[in-house]
C-alpha atoms as a PDB file:
ATOM      1  CA  UNK A   1      -5.684  26.894  61.613  1.00  0.00           C
ATOM      2  CA  UNK A   2      -3.264  24.110  61.337  1.00  0.00           C
ATOM      3  CA  UNK A   3      -5.885  21.346  61.179  1.00  0.00           C
ATOM      4  CA  UNK A   4      -7.601  23.110  58.249  1.00  0.00           C
ATOM      5  CA  UNK A   5      -4.295  23.234  56.347  1.00  0.00           C
ATOM      6  CA  UNK A   6      -3.675  19.539  57.026  1.00  0.00           C
ATOM      7  CA  UNK A   7      -7.231  18.696  55.924  1.00  0.00           C
ATOM      8  CA  UNK A   8      -6.828  20.787  52.775  1.00  0.00           C
ATOM      9  CA  UNK A   9      -3.505  19.103  51.997  1.00  0.00           C
ATOM     10  CA  UNK A  10      -5.010  15.654  52.522  1.00  0.00           C
ATOM     11  CA  UNK A  11      -8.002  16.493  50.312  1.00  0.00           C
ATOM     12  CA  UNK A  12      -5.674  17.921  47.638  1.00  0.00           C
ATOM     13  CA  UNK A  13      -3.425  14.832  47.706  1.00  0.00           C
ATOM     14  CA  UNK A  14      -6.429  12.514  47.610  1.00  0.00           C
ATOM     15  CA  UNK A  15      -7.877  14.386  44.618  1.00  0.00           C
ATOM     16  CA  UNK A  16      -4.532  14.350  42.813  1.00  0.00           C
ATOM     17  CA  UNK A  17      -4.014  10.612  43.392  1.00  0.00           C
ATOM     18  CA  UNK A  18      -7.603   9.868  42.415  1.00  0.00           C
ATOM     19  CA  UNK A  19      -7.158  11.816  39.156  1.00  0.00           C
ATOM     20  CA  UNK A  20      -3.965   9.907  38.388  1.00  0.00           C
ATOM     21  CA  UNK A  21      -5.739   6.595  39.012  1.00  0.00           C
ATOM     22  CA  UNK A  22      -8.451   7.410  36.500  1.00  0.00           C
ATOM     23  CA  UNK A  23      -7.229  10.075  34.094  1.00  0.00           C
ATOM     24  CA  UNK A  24     -10.298  11.131  32.076  1.00  0.00           C
ATOM     25  CA  UNK A  25      -8.271  11.501  28.868  1.00  0.00           C
ATOM     26  CA  UNK A  26      -6.726   8.030  29.226  1.00  0.00           C
ATOM     27  CA  UNK A  27     -10.090   6.514  30.076  1.00  0.00           C
ATOM     28  CA  UNK A  28     -11.792   8.251  27.163  1.00  0.00           C
ATOM     29  CA  UNK A  29      -9.127   7.172  24.692  1.00  0.00           C
ATOM     30  CA  UNK A  30      -9.214   3.591  25.988  1.00  0.00           C
ATOM     31  CA  UNK A  31     -12.989   3.518  25.500  1.00  0.00           C
ATOM     32  CA  UNK A  32     -12.675   5.015  22.036  1.00  0.00           C
ATOM     33  CA  UNK A  33     -10.111   2.438  20.906  1.00  0.00           C
ATOM     34  CA  UNK A  34     -12.175  -0.358  22.436  1.00  0.00           C
ATOM     35  CA  UNK A  35     -15.257   0.845  20.531  1.00  0.00           C
ATOM     36  CA  UNK A  36     -13.293   1.141  17.276  1.00  0.00           C
ATOM     37  CA  UNK A  37     -11.923  -2.384  17.748  1.00  0.00           C
ATOM     38  CA  UNK A  38     -15.401  -3.766  18.472  1.00  0.00           C
ATOM     39  CA  UNK A  39     -16.907  -2.058  15.413  1.00  0.00           C
ATOM     40  CA  UNK A  40     -14.054  -3.298  13.203  1.00  0.00           C
ATOM     41  CA  UNK A  41     -14.491  -6.826  14.564  1.00  0.00           C
ATOM     42  CA  UNK A  42     -18.246  -6.695  13.908  1.00  0.00           C
ATOM     43  CA  UNK A  43     -17.662  -5.511  10.327  1.00  0.00           C
ATOM     44  CA  UNK A  44     -15.090  -8.251   9.667  1.00  0.00           C
ATOM     45  CA  UNK A  45     -17.376 -10.928  11.088  1.00  0.00           C
ATOM     46  CA  UNK A  46     -20.358  -9.529   9.193  1.00  0.00           C
ATOM     47  CA  UNK A  47     -18.424  -9.480   5.912  1.00  0.00           C
ATOM     48  CA  UNK A  48     -17.266 -13.046   6.483  1.00  0.00           C
ATOM     49  CA  UNK A  49     -20.822 -14.163   7.188  1.00  0.00           C
ATOM     50  CA  UNK A  50     -22.142 -12.409   4.072  1.00  0.00           C
ATOM     51  CA  UNK A  51     -19.483 -14.040   1.891  1.00  0.00           C
ATOM     52  CA  UNK A  52     -20.181 -17.491   3.351  1.00  0.00           C
ATOM     53  CA  UNK A  53     -23.925 -17.086   2.761  1.00  0.00           C
ATOM     54  CA  UNK A  54     -23.324 -15.811  -0.769  1.00  0.00           C
ATOM     55  CA  UNK A  55     -21.077 -18.784  -1.545  1.00  0.00           C
ATOM     56  CA  UNK A  56     -23.679 -21.208  -0.178  1.00  0.00           C
ATOM     57  CA  UNK A  57     -26.451 -19.520  -2.189  1.00  0.00           C
ATOM     58  CA  UNK A  58     -24.318 -19.714  -5.348  1.00  0.00           C
ATOM     59  CA  UNK A  59     -23.686 -23.429  -4.822  1.00  0.00           C
ATOM     60  CA  UNK A  60     -27.401 -24.084  -4.351  1.00  0.00           C
ATOM     61  CA  UNK A  61     -28.251 -22.049  -7.456  1.00  0.00           C
ATOM     62  CA  UNK A  62     -25.679 -23.955  -9.510  1.00  0.00           C
ATOM     63  CA  UNK A  63     -27.016 -27.288  -8.250  1.00  0.00           C
ATOM     64  CA  UNK A  64     -30.593 -26.294  -9.107  1.00  0.00           C
ATOM     65  CA  UNK A  65     -29.551 -25.000 -12.541  1.00  0.00           C
ATOM     66  CA  UNK A  66     -27.795 -28.294 -13.328  1.00  0.00           C
ATOM     67  CA  UNK A  67     -30.888 -30.217 -12.215  1.00  0.00           C
ATOM     68  CA  UNK A  68     -33.098 -27.997 -14.387  1.00  0.00           C
ATOM     69  CA  UNK A  69     -30.891 -28.520 -17.464  1.00  0.00           C
ATOM     70  CA  UNK A  70     -30.792 -32.267 -16.853  1.00  0.00           C
ATOM     71  CA  UNK A  71     -34.564 -32.392 -16.528  1.00  0.00           C
ATOM     72  CA  UNK A  72     -35.010 -30.164 -19.598  1.00  0.00           C
ATOM     73  CA  UNK A  73     -32.671 -32.348 -21.673  1.00  0.00           C
ATOM     74  CA  UNK A  74     -34.394 -35.530 -20.522  1.00  0.00           C
ATOM     75  CA  UNK A  75     -37.820 -34.098 -21.341  1.00  0.00           C
ATOM     76  CA  UNK A  76     -36.656 -32.897 -24.750  1.00  0.00           C
ATOM     77  CA  UNK A  77     -35.363 -36.398 -25.534  1.00  0.00           C
ATOM     78  CA  UNK A  78     -38.598 -38.041 -24.417  1.00  0.00           C
ATOM     79  CA  UNK A  79     -40.692 -35.558 -26.434  1.00  0.00           C
ATOM     80  CA  UNK A  80     -38.666 -36.272 -29.556  1.00  0.00           C
ATOM     81  CA  UNK A  81     -39.454 -39.988 -29.352  1.00  0.00           C
ATOM     82  CA  UNK A  82     -43.164 -39.407 -29.938  1.00  0.00           C
END
């Protein structure tokens, strides 16, 4: 009867309002964009870290190469004095 129609209407309205509160398409797209942003951020940070480590490794290699040449030159000079 009448109470069933009122109950059905209430359930319908509740379902409609609930769907509007959390639209699956909106929620899915929001999650997708959040994931894309997080992946992009991780790649940017990873690239930055790789470049910083590469720069540091290059500086250390240059320092060691200079030290090796200095040592080699010094040894060559001392060997020539014999």
